[in-house]
């Protein structure tokens, strides 16, 4: 089973790509409750976000605390002859909740 559940603050405002099939991309900073906790930066994407959520996170998203649920996705692609890899969380529709700021 491929399930990711996490929470964190948006590192910067979200960015939306596309018009018909929108992809809202954002990164959350997620840490543990330990004093020596390492912060992990988790890239996320939500396809066809609700309009009000899109407006909030693209205009005032930096620092907003969110809770997400989705699946981990990896991909391999080539840029200028160099192979690159990407890991991101595909957030399931309806599973992005604003917790606070």
PDB file of N, CA and C in Angstrom:
ATOM      1  N   UNK A   1       0.849  -1.169   0.000  1.00  0.00           N
ATOM      2  CA  UNK A   1       0.000   0.000   0.000  1.00  0.00           C
ATOM      3  C   UNK A   1       0.896   1.233   0.000  1.00  0.00           C
ATOM      4  N   UNK A   2       0.586   2.199  -0.818  1.00  0.00           N
ATOM      5  CA  UNK A   2       1.367   3.425  -0.962  1.00  0.00           C
ATOM      6  C   UNK A   2       0.544   4.587  -0.415  1.00  0.00           C
ATOM      7  N   UNK A   3       0.750   4.920   0.866  1.00  0.00           N
ATOM      8  CA  UNK A   3      -0.005   5.992   1.510  1.00  0.00           C
ATOM      9  C   UNK A   3       0.975   6.902   2.243  1.00  0.00           C
ATOM     10  N   UNK A   4       0.844   8.188   2.007  1.00  0.00           N
ATOM     11  CA  UNK A   4       1.624   9.192   2.725  1.00  0.00           C
ATOM     12  C   UNK A   4       0.647  10.095   3.458  1.00  0.00           C
ATOM     13  N   UNK A   5       0.872  10.264   4.755  1.00  0.00           N
ATOM     14  CA  UNK A   5       0.091  11.206   5.553  1.00  0.00           C
ATOM     15  C   UNK A   5       1.105  12.090   6.266  1.00  0.00           C
ATOM     16  N   UNK A   6       0.952  13.394   6.124  1.00  0.00           N
ATOM     17  CA  UNK A   6       1.905  14.288   6.757  1.00  0.00           C
ATOM     18  C   UNK A   6       1.350  15.679   6.921  1.00  0.00           C
ATOM     19  N   UNK A   7       2.105  16.475   7.655  1.00  0.00           N
ATOM     20  CA  UNK A   7       1.730  17.874   7.823  1.00  0.00           C
ATOM     21  C   UNK A   7       2.997  18.705   7.844  1.00  0.00           C
ATOM     22  N   UNK A   8       2.839  19.954   7.486  1.00  0.00           N
ATOM     23  CA  UNK A   8       3.969  20.870   7.479  1.00  0.00           C
ATOM     24  C   UNK A   8       3.538  22.219   6.950  1.00  0.00           C
ATOM     25  N   UNK A   9       4.468  23.161   7.020  1.00  0.00           N
ATOM     26  CA  UNK A   9       4.192  24.506   6.526  1.00  0.00           C
ATOM     27  C   UNK A   9       4.694  24.659   5.100  1.00  0.00           C
ATOM     28  N   UNK A  10       3.924  25.389   4.285  1.00  0.00           N
ATOM     29  CA  UNK A  10       4.362  25.660   2.920  1.00  0.00           C
ATOM     30  C   UNK A  10       5.614  26.518   2.961  1.00  0.00           C
ATOM     31  N   UNK A  11       6.614  26.126   2.188  1.00  0.00           N
ATOM     32  CA  UNK A  11       7.891  26.819   2.127  1.00  0.00           C
ATOM     33  C   UNK A  11       7.758  28.139   1.379  1.00  0.00           C
ATOM     34  N   UNK A  12       6.910  28.144   0.361  1.00  0.00           N
ATOM     35  CA  UNK A  12       6.627  29.343  -0.447  1.00  0.00           C
ATOM     36  C   UNK A  12       5.225  29.190  -1.005  1.00  0.00           C
ATOM     37  N   UNK A  13       4.721  30.230  -1.628  1.00  0.00           N
ATOM     38  CA  UNK A  13       3.391  30.147  -2.239  1.00  0.00           C
ATOM     39  C   UNK A  13       3.359  29.024  -3.277  1.00  0.00           C
ATOM     40  N   UNK A  14       2.221  28.376  -3.400  1.00  0.00           N
ATOM     41  CA  UNK A  14       2.043  27.319  -4.395  1.00  0.00           C
ATOM     42  C   UNK A  14       2.059  27.925  -5.797  1.00  0.00           C
ATOM     43  N   UNK A  15       2.361  27.082  -6.778  1.00  0.00           N
ATOM     44  CA  UNK A  15       2.385  27.485  -8.183  1.00  0.00           C
ATOM     45  C   UNK A  15       1.437  26.567  -8.938  1.00  0.00           C
ATOM     46  N   UNK A  16       0.629  27.146  -9.832  1.00  0.00           N
ATOM     47  CA  UNK A  16      -0.305  26.351 -10.629  1.00  0.00           C
ATOM     48  C   UNK A  16       0.153  26.346 -12.082  1.00  0.00           C
ATOM     49  N   UNK A  17       0.247  25.155 -12.642  1.00  0.00           N
ATOM     50  CA  UNK A  17       0.591  24.983 -14.056  1.00  0.00           C
ATOM     51  C   UNK A  17      -0.614  24.411 -14.780  1.00  0.00           C
ATOM     52  N   UNK A  18      -0.791  24.828 -16.026  1.00  0.00           N
ATOM     53  CA  UNK A  18      -1.879  24.302 -16.843  1.00  0.00           C
ATOM     54  C   UNK A  18      -3.140  25.127 -16.717  1.00  0.00           C
ATOM     55  N   UNK A  19      -4.060  24.878 -17.637  1.00  0.00           N
ATOM     56  CA  UNK A  19      -5.336  25.598 -17.611  1.00  0.00           C
ATOM     57  C   UNK A  19      -6.507  24.623 -17.509  1.00  0.00           C
ATOM     58  N   UNK A  20      -6.584  23.662 -18.403  1.00  0.00           N
ATOM     59  CA  UNK A  20      -7.682  22.695 -18.365  1.00  0.00           C
ATOM     60  C   UNK A  20      -7.460  21.682 -17.240  1.00  0.00           C
ATOM     61  N   UNK A  21      -6.298  21.058 -17.237  1.00  0.00           N
ATOM     62  CA  UNK A  21      -5.912  20.135 -16.175  1.00  0.00           C
ATOM     63  C   UNK A  21      -4.832  20.808 -15.348  1.00  0.00           C
ATOM     64  N   UNK A  22      -5.229  21.450 -14.272  1.00  0.00           N
ATOM     65  CA  UNK A  22      -4.302  22.215 -13.444  1.00  0.00           C
ATOM     66  C   UNK A  22      -3.525  21.302 -12.504  1.00  0.00           C
ATOM     67  N   UNK A  23      -2.274  21.684 -12.276  1.00  0.00           N
ATOM     68  CA  UNK A  23      -1.428  21.004 -11.301  1.00  0.00           C
ATOM     69  C   UNK A  23      -0.899  22.061 -10.340  1.00  0.00           C
ATOM     70  N   UNK A  24      -1.353  22.018  -9.103  1.00  0.00           N
ATOM     71  CA  UNK A  24      -0.872  22.959  -8.100  1.00  0.00           C
ATOM     72  C   UNK A  24       0.299  22.306  -7.374  1.00  0.00           C
ATOM     73  N   UNK A  25       1.481  22.933  -7.507  1.00  0.00           N
ATOM     74  CA  UNK A  25       2.696  22.389  -6.917  1.00  0.00           C
ATOM     75  C   UNK A  25       3.109  23.233  -5.721  1.00  0.00           C
ATOM     76  N   UNK A  26       3.527  22.542  -4.667  1.00  0.00           N
ATOM     77  CA  UNK A  26       3.986  23.221  -3.459  1.00  0.00           C
ATOM     78  C   UNK A  26       4.906  22.289  -2.699  1.00  0.00           C
ATOM     79  N   UNK A  27       5.662  22.857  -1.775  1.00  0.00           N
ATOM     80  CA  UNK A  27       6.581  22.084  -0.943  1.00  0.00           C
ATOM     81  C   UNK A  27       6.270  22.389   0.508  1.00  0.00           C
ATOM     82  N   UNK A  28       6.206  21.325   1.321  1.00  0.00           N
ATOM     83  CA  UNK A  28       5.998  21.534   2.745  1.00  0.00           C
ATOM     84  C   UNK A  28       7.281  21.192   3.503  1.00  0.00           C
ATOM     85  N   UNK A  29       7.505  21.913   4.592  1.00  0.00           N
ATOM     86  CA  UNK A  29       8.607  21.631   5.510  1.00  0.00           C
ATOM     87  C   UNK A  29       8.016  20.844   6.667  1.00  0.00           C
ATOM     88  N   UNK A  30       8.415  19.587   6.784  1.00  0.00           N
ATOM     89  CA  UNK A  30       7.868  18.709   7.816  1.00  0.00           C
ATOM     90  C   UNK A  30       8.987  18.276   8.754  1.00  0.00           C
ATOM     91  N   UNK A  31       8.763  18.427  10.030  1.00  0.00           N
ATOM     92  CA  UNK A  31       9.755  18.031  11.021  1.00  0.00           C
ATOM     93  C   UNK A  31       9.121  17.190  12.098  1.00  0.00           C
ATOM     94  N   UNK A  32       9.957  16.667  12.986  1.00  0.00           N
ATOM     95  CA  UNK A  32       9.472  15.885  14.121  1.00  0.00           C
ATOM     96  C   UNK A  32       9.349  16.799  15.331  1.00  0.00           C
ATOM     97  N   UNK A  33       8.827  16.277  16.401  1.00  0.00           N
ATOM     98  CA  UNK A  33       8.663  17.060  17.621  1.00  0.00           C
ATOM     99  C   UNK A  33       9.897  16.996  18.517  1.00  0.00           C
ATOM    100  N   UNK A  34      11.009  16.583  17.979  1.00  0.00           N
ATOM    101  CA  UNK A  34      12.246  16.472  18.737  1.00  0.00           C
ATOM    102  C   UNK A  34      13.067  17.753  18.603  1.00  0.00           C
ATOM    103  N   UNK A  35      13.861  18.075  19.617  1.00  0.00           N
ATOM    104  CA  UNK A  35      14.694  19.287  19.569  1.00  0.00           C
ATOM    105  C   UNK A  35      15.743  19.202  18.467  1.00  0.00           C
ATOM    106  N   UNK A  36      16.238  18.002  18.189  1.00  0.00           N
ATOM    107  CA  UNK A  36      17.278  17.816  17.178  1.00  0.00           C
ATOM    108  C   UNK A  36      16.697  17.300  15.873  1.00  0.00           C
ATOM    109  N   UNK A  37      15.423  17.564  15.650  1.00  0.00           N
ATOM    110  CA  UNK A  37      14.724  17.033  14.478  1.00  0.00           C
ATOM    111  C   UNK A  37      15.256  17.639  13.195  1.00  0.00           C
ATOM    112  N   UNK A  38      15.407  16.805  12.222  1.00  0.00           N
ATOM    113  CA  UNK A  38      15.777  17.250  10.890  1.00  0.00           C
ATOM    114  C   UNK A  38      14.489  17.605  10.147  1.00  0.00           C
ATOM    115  N   UNK A  39      14.494  18.720   9.481  1.00  0.00           N
ATOM    116  CA  UNK A  39      13.327  19.128   8.703  1.00  0.00           C
ATOM    117  C   UNK A  39      13.444  18.512   7.310  1.00  0.00           C
ATOM    118  N   UNK A  40      12.377  17.904   6.863  1.00  0.00           N
ATOM    119  CA  UNK A  40      12.322  17.330   5.521  1.00  0.00           C
ATOM    120  C   UNK A  40      11.474  18.235   4.638  1.00  0.00           C
ATOM    121  N   UNK A  41      11.927  18.467   3.426  1.00  0.00           N
ATOM    122  CA  UNK A  41      11.183  19.262   2.464  1.00  0.00           C
ATOM    123  C   UNK A  41      10.516  18.302   1.495  1.00  0.00           C
ATOM    124  N   UNK A  42       9.179  18.301   1.495  1.00  0.00           N
ATOM    125  CA  UNK A  42       8.405  17.330   0.739  1.00  0.00           C
ATOM    126  C   UNK A  42       7.692  18.020  -0.423  1.00  0.00           C
ATOM    127  N   UNK A  43       8.119  17.749  -1.674  1.00  0.00           N
ATOM    128  CA  UNK A  43       7.421  18.316  -2.829  1.00  0.00           C
ATOM    129  C   UNK A  43       6.079  17.611  -3.028  1.00  0.00           C
ATOM    130  N   UNK A  44       5.038  18.400  -3.298  1.00  0.00           N
ATOM    131  CA  UNK A  44       3.685  17.863  -3.433  1.00  0.00           C
ATOM    132  C   UNK A  44       3.014  18.442  -4.672  1.00  0.00           C
ATOM    133  N   UNK A  45       2.038  17.710  -5.184  1.00  0.00           N
ATOM    134  CA  UNK A  45       1.227  18.213  -6.292  1.00  0.00           C
ATOM    135  C   UNK A  45      -0.218  17.779  -6.075  1.00  0.00           C
ATOM    136  N   UNK A  46      -1.130  18.709  -6.333  1.00  0.00           N
ATOM    137  CA  UNK A  46      -2.568  18.442  -6.254  1.00  0.00           C
ATOM    138  C   UNK A  46      -3.162  18.809  -7.602  1.00  0.00           C
ATOM    139  N   UNK A  47      -3.776  17.855  -8.265  1.00  0.00           N
ATOM    140  CA  UNK A  47      -4.361  18.101  -9.582  1.00  0.00           C
ATOM    141  C   UNK A  47      -5.767  18.674  -9.440  1.00  0.00           C
ATOM    142  N   UNK A  48      -6.067  19.661 -10.269  1.00  0.00           N
ATOM    143  CA  UNK A  48      -7.371  20.317 -10.314  1.00  0.00           C
ATOM    144  C   UNK A  48      -7.876  20.709  -8.922  1.00  0.00           C
ATOM    145  N   UNK A  49      -7.124  21.599  -8.251  1.00  0.00           N
ATOM    146  CA  UNK A  49      -7.517  22.008  -6.900  1.00  0.00           C
ATOM    147  C   UNK A  49      -8.792  22.840  -6.909  1.00  0.00           C
ATOM    148  N   UNK A  50      -9.548  22.825  -5.816  1.00  0.00           N
ATOM    149  CA  UNK A  50     -10.710  23.705  -5.711  1.00  0.00           C
ATOM    150  C   UNK A  50     -10.244  25.163  -5.829  1.00  0.00           C
ATOM    151  N   UNK A  51     -11.040  25.996  -6.478  1.00  0.00           N
ATOM    152  CA  UNK A  51     -10.657  27.377  -6.773  1.00  0.00           C
ATOM    153  C   UNK A  51     -10.266  28.158  -5.519  1.00  0.00           C
ATOM    154  N   UNK A  52     -11.041  28.053  -4.440  1.00  0.00           N
ATOM    155  CA  UNK A  52     -10.738  28.814  -3.228  1.00  0.00           C
ATOM    156  C   UNK A  52      -9.415  28.385  -2.598  1.00  0.00           C
ATOM    157  N   UNK A  53      -9.104  27.085  -2.652  1.00  0.00           N
ATOM    158  CA  UNK A  53      -7.839  26.573  -2.132  1.00  0.00           C
ATOM    159  C   UNK A  53      -6.682  27.043  -3.010  1.00  0.00           C
ATOM    160  N   UNK A  54      -6.895  27.019  -4.318  1.00  0.00           N
ATOM    161  CA  UNK A  54      -5.884  27.497  -5.269  1.00  0.00           C
ATOM    162  C   UNK A  54      -5.542  28.964  -5.006  1.00  0.00           C
ATOM    163  N   UNK A  55      -6.558  29.793  -4.845  1.00  0.00           N
ATOM    164  CA  UNK A  55      -6.332  31.229  -4.607  1.00  0.00           C
ATOM    165  C   UNK A  55      -5.580  31.443  -3.296  1.00  0.00           C
ATOM    166  N   UNK A  56      -6.005  30.777  -2.238  1.00  0.00           N
ATOM    167  CA  UNK A  56      -5.359  30.937  -0.934  1.00  0.00           C
ATOM    168  C   UNK A  56      -3.885  30.536  -0.979  1.00  0.00           C
ATOM    169  N   UNK A  57      -3.598  29.349  -1.499  1.00  0.00           N
ATOM    170  CA  UNK A  57      -2.232  28.843  -1.442  1.00  0.00           C
ATOM    171  C   UNK A  57      -1.289  29.478  -2.465  1.00  0.00           C
ATOM    172  N   UNK A  58      -1.826  30.018  -3.559  1.00  0.00           N
ATOM    173  CA  UNK A  58      -0.952  30.698  -4.517  1.00  0.00           C
ATOM    174  C   UNK A  58      -0.684  32.143  -4.116  1.00  0.00           C
ATOM    175  N   UNK A  59      -1.588  32.756  -3.369  1.00  0.00           N
ATOM    176  CA  UNK A  59      -1.417  34.162  -3.005  1.00  0.00           C
ATOM    177  C   UNK A  59      -0.885  34.353  -1.579  1.00  0.00           C
ATOM    178  N   UNK A  60      -1.303  33.497  -0.659  1.00  0.00           N
ATOM    179  CA  UNK A  60      -0.921  33.665   0.748  1.00  0.00           C
ATOM    180  C   UNK A  60      -0.465  32.347   1.361  1.00  0.00           C
ATOM    181  N   UNK A  61       0.112  31.472   0.554  1.00  0.00           N
ATOM    182  CA  UNK A  61       0.426  30.130   1.020  1.00  0.00           C
ATOM    183  C   UNK A  61       1.646  29.989   1.901  1.00  0.00           C
ATOM    184  N   UNK A  62       2.650  30.836   1.702  1.00  0.00           N
ATOM    185  CA  UNK A  62       3.895  30.693   2.457  1.00  0.00           C
ATOM    186  C   UNK A  62       3.613  30.734   3.957  1.00  0.00           C
ATOM    187  N   UNK A  63       4.050  29.673   4.657  1.00  0.00           N
ATOM    188  CA  UNK A  63       3.881  29.603   6.102  1.00  0.00           C
ATOM    189  C   UNK A  63       2.595  28.962   6.569  1.00  0.00           C
ATOM    190  N   UNK A  64       1.673  28.664   5.663  1.00  0.00           N
ATOM    191  CA  UNK A  64       0.403  28.037   6.039  1.00  0.00           C
ATOM    192  C   UNK A  64       0.655  26.569   6.414  1.00  0.00           C
ATOM    193  N   UNK A  65       0.120  26.159   7.542  1.00  0.00           N
ATOM    194  CA  UNK A  65       0.254  24.780   8.005  1.00  0.00           C
ATOM    195  C   UNK A  65      -0.858  23.936   7.380  1.00  0.00           C
ATOM    196  N   UNK A  66      -0.467  22.861   6.697  1.00  0.00           N
ATOM    197  CA  UNK A  66      -1.438  21.989   6.035  1.00  0.00           C
ATOM    198  C   UNK A  66      -1.227  20.540   6.467  1.00  0.00           C
ATOM    199  N   UNK A  67      -2.283  19.766   6.343  1.00  0.00           N
ATOM    200  CA  UNK A  67      -2.241  18.324   6.549  1.00  0.00           C
ATOM    201  C   UNK A  67      -2.631  17.699   5.218  1.00  0.00           C
ATOM    202  N   UNK A  68      -1.836  16.731   4.759  1.00  0.00           N
ATOM    203  CA  UNK A  68      -2.113  16.124   3.460  1.00  0.00           C
ATOM    204  C   UNK A  68      -2.124  14.599   3.550  1.00  0.00           C
ATOM    205  N   UNK A  69      -2.810  14.013   2.583  1.00  0.00           N
ATOM    206  CA  UNK A  69      -2.780  12.565   2.412  1.00  0.00           C
ATOM    207  C   UNK A  69      -2.689  12.296   0.923  1.00  0.00           C
ATOM    208  N   UNK A  70      -1.821  11.376   0.558  1.00  0.00           N
ATOM    209  CA  UNK A  70      -1.657  11.055  -0.853  1.00  0.00           C
ATOM    210  C   UNK A  70      -0.794   9.830  -1.035  1.00  0.00           C
ATOM    211  N   UNK A  71      -0.152   9.779  -2.190  1.00  0.00           N
ATOM    212  CA  UNK A  71       0.729   8.644  -2.486  1.00  0.00           C
ATOM    213  C   UNK A  71       2.065   9.172  -2.979  1.00  0.00           C
ATOM    214  N   UNK A  72       3.115   8.422  -2.712  1.00  0.00           N
ATOM    215  CA  UNK A  72       4.449   8.791  -3.150  1.00  0.00           C
ATOM    216  C   UNK A  72       4.621   8.355  -4.600  1.00  0.00           C
ATOM    217  N   UNK A  73       5.136   9.273  -5.414  1.00  0.00           N
ATOM    218  CA  UNK A  73       5.340   8.996  -6.829  1.00  0.00           C
ATOM    219  C   UNK A  73       6.784   9.324  -7.200  1.00  0.00           C
ATOM    220  N   UNK A  74       7.411   8.434  -7.935  1.00  0.00           N
ATOM    221  CA  UNK A  74       8.764   8.685  -8.431  1.00  0.00           C
ATOM    222  C   UNK A  74       8.741   8.683  -9.947  1.00  0.00           C
ATOM    223  N   UNK A  75       9.610   9.494 -10.531  1.00  0.00           N
ATOM    224  CA  UNK A  75       9.699   9.528 -11.991  1.00  0.00           C
ATOM    225  C   UNK A  75      11.142   9.746 -12.408  1.00  0.00           C
ATOM    226  N   UNK A  76      11.414   9.383 -13.633  1.00  0.00           N
ATOM    227  CA  UNK A  76      12.746   9.500 -14.218  1.00  0.00           C
ATOM    228  C   UNK A  76      12.582  10.256 -15.522  1.00  0.00           C
ATOM    229  N   UNK A  77      13.434  11.264 -15.744  1.00  0.00           N
ATOM    230  CA  UNK A  77      13.343  12.045 -16.970  1.00  0.00           C
ATOM    231  C   UNK A  77      14.734  12.517 -17.364  1.00  0.00           C
ATOM    232  N   UNK A  78      14.844  13.071 -18.545  1.00  0.00           N
ATOM    233  CA  UNK A  78      16.137  13.499 -19.059  1.00  0.00           C
ATOM    234  C   UNK A  78      16.113  14.992 -19.367  1.00  0.00           C
ATOM    235  N   UNK A  79      17.178  15.690 -18.939  1.00  0.00           N
ATOM    236  CA  UNK A  79      17.338  17.115 -19.214  1.00  0.00           C
ATOM    237  C   UNK A  79      18.734  17.317 -19.778  1.00  0.00           C
ATOM    238  N   UNK A  80      18.792  17.779 -21.023  1.00  0.00           N
ATOM    239  CA  UNK A  80      20.081  18.009 -21.693  1.00  0.00           C
ATOM    240  C   UNK A  80      20.992  16.788 -21.636  1.00  0.00           C
ATOM    241  N   UNK A  81      20.426  15.614 -21.852  1.00  0.00           N
ATOM    242  CA  UNK A  81      21.200  14.384 -21.876  1.00  0.00           C
ATOM    243  C   UNK A  81      21.521  13.812 -20.499  1.00  0.00           C
ATOM    244  N   UNK A  82      21.108  14.491 -19.435  1.00  0.00           N
ATOM    245  CA  UNK A  82      21.370  14.022 -18.087  1.00  0.00           C
ATOM    246  C   UNK A  82      20.096  13.441 -17.482  1.00  0.00           C
ATOM    247  N   UNK A  83      20.209  12.234 -16.934  1.00  0.00           N
ATOM    248  CA  UNK A  83      19.057  11.574 -16.317  1.00  0.00           C
ATOM    249  C   UNK A  83      18.830  12.151 -14.929  1.00  0.00           C
ATOM    250  N   UNK A  84      17.591  12.531 -14.664  1.00  0.00           N
ATOM    251  CA  UNK A  84      17.205  13.095 -13.369  1.00  0.00           C
ATOM    252  C   UNK A  84      16.074  12.252 -12.786  1.00  0.00           C
ATOM    253  N   UNK A  85      15.953  12.301 -11.478  1.00  0.00           N
ATOM    254  CA  UNK A  85      14.903  11.575 -10.771  1.00  0.00           C
ATOM    255  C   UNK A  85      14.117  12.546  -9.899  1.00  0.00           C
ATOM    256  N   UNK A  86      12.823  12.280  -9.737  1.00  0.00           N
ATOM    257  CA  UNK A  86      11.982  13.138  -8.910  1.00  0.00           C
ATOM    258  C   UNK A  86      11.095  12.243  -8.041  1.00  0.00           C
ATOM    259  N   UNK A  87      10.967  12.640  -6.788  1.00  0.00           N
ATOM    260  CA  UNK A  87      10.034  11.999  -5.864  1.00  0.00           C
ATOM    261  C   UNK A  87       9.112  13.086  -5.338  1.00  0.00           C
ATOM    262  N   UNK A  88       7.825  12.842  -5.362  1.00  0.00           N
ATOM    263  CA  UNK A  88       6.855  13.815  -4.878  1.00  0.00           C
ATOM    264  C   UNK A  88       5.633  13.085  -4.347  1.00  0.00           C
ATOM    265  N   UNK A  89       4.827  13.820  -3.591  1.00  0.00           N
ATOM    266  CA  UNK A  89       3.580  13.261  -3.076  1.00  0.00           C
ATOM    267  C   UNK A  89       2.445  13.776  -3.948  1.00  0.00           C
ATOM    268  N   UNK A  90       1.676  12.861  -4.512  1.00  0.00           N
ATOM    269  CA  UNK A  90       0.474  13.207  -5.267  1.00  0.00           C
ATOM    270  C   UNK A  90      -0.658  13.252  -4.244  1.00  0.00           C
ATOM    271  N   UNK A  91      -1.125  14.458  -3.940  1.00  0.00           N
ATOM    272  CA  UNK A  91      -2.164  14.637  -2.928  1.00  0.00           C
ATOM    273  C   UNK A  91      -3.511  14.248  -3.517  1.00  0.00           C
ATOM    274  N   UNK A  92      -4.232  13.419  -2.795  1.00  0.00           N
ATOM    275  CA  UNK A  92      -5.549  12.975  -3.254  1.00  0.00           C
ATOM    276  C   UNK A  92      -6.557  14.112  -3.107  1.00  0.00           C
ATOM    277  N   UNK A  93      -7.432  14.217  -4.067  1.00  0.00           N
ATOM    278  CA  UNK A  93      -8.450  15.271  -4.050  1.00  0.00           C
ATOM    279  C   UNK A  93      -9.252  15.207  -2.749  1.00  0.00           C
ATOM    280  N   UNK A  94      -9.407  16.343  -2.108  1.00  0.00           N
ATOM    281  CA  UNK A  94     -10.148  16.404  -0.847  1.00  0.00           C
ATOM    282  C   UNK A  94      -9.307  16.080   0.367  1.00  0.00           C
ATOM    283  N   UNK A  95      -8.015  15.791   0.177  1.00  0.00           N
ATOM    284  CA  UNK A  95      -7.152  15.414   1.303  1.00  0.00           C
ATOM    285  C   UNK A  95      -6.044  16.418   1.548  1.00  0.00           C
ATOM    286  N   UNK A  96      -6.352  17.691   1.363  1.00  0.00           N
ATOM    287  CA  UNK A  96      -5.455  18.772   1.751  1.00  0.00           C
ATOM    288  C   UNK A  96      -6.283  19.687   2.653  1.00  0.00           C
ATOM    289  N   UNK A  97      -5.888  19.753   3.908  1.00  0.00           N
ATOM    290  CA  UNK A  97      -6.636  20.545   4.876  1.00  0.00           C
ATOM    291  C   UNK A  97      -5.746  21.636   5.454  1.00  0.00           C
ATOM    292  N   UNK A  98      -6.278  22.829   5.549  1.00  0.00           N
ATOM    293  CA  UNK A  98      -5.583  23.938   6.180  1.00  0.00           C
ATOM    294  C   UNK A  98      -5.710  23.757   7.695  1.00  0.00           C
ATOM    295  N   UNK A  99      -4.573  23.701   8.397  1.00  0.00           N
ATOM    296  CA  UNK A  99      -4.580  23.518   9.838  1.00  0.00           C
ATOM    297  C   UNK A  99      -4.404  24.861  10.541  1.00  0.00           C
ATOM    298  N   UNK A 100      -3.564  25.725   9.984  1.00  0.00           N
ATOM    299  CA  UNK A 100      -3.313  27.038  10.578  1.00  0.00           C
ATOM    300  C   UNK A 100      -2.209  27.756   9.831  1.00  0.00           C
ATOM    301  N   UNK A 101      -1.698  28.811  10.431  1.00  0.00           N
ATOM    302  CA  UNK A 101      -0.588  29.550   9.800  1.00  0.00           C
ATOM    303  C   UNK A 101       0.473  29.883  10.820  1.00  0.00           C
TER     304      UNK A 101
END
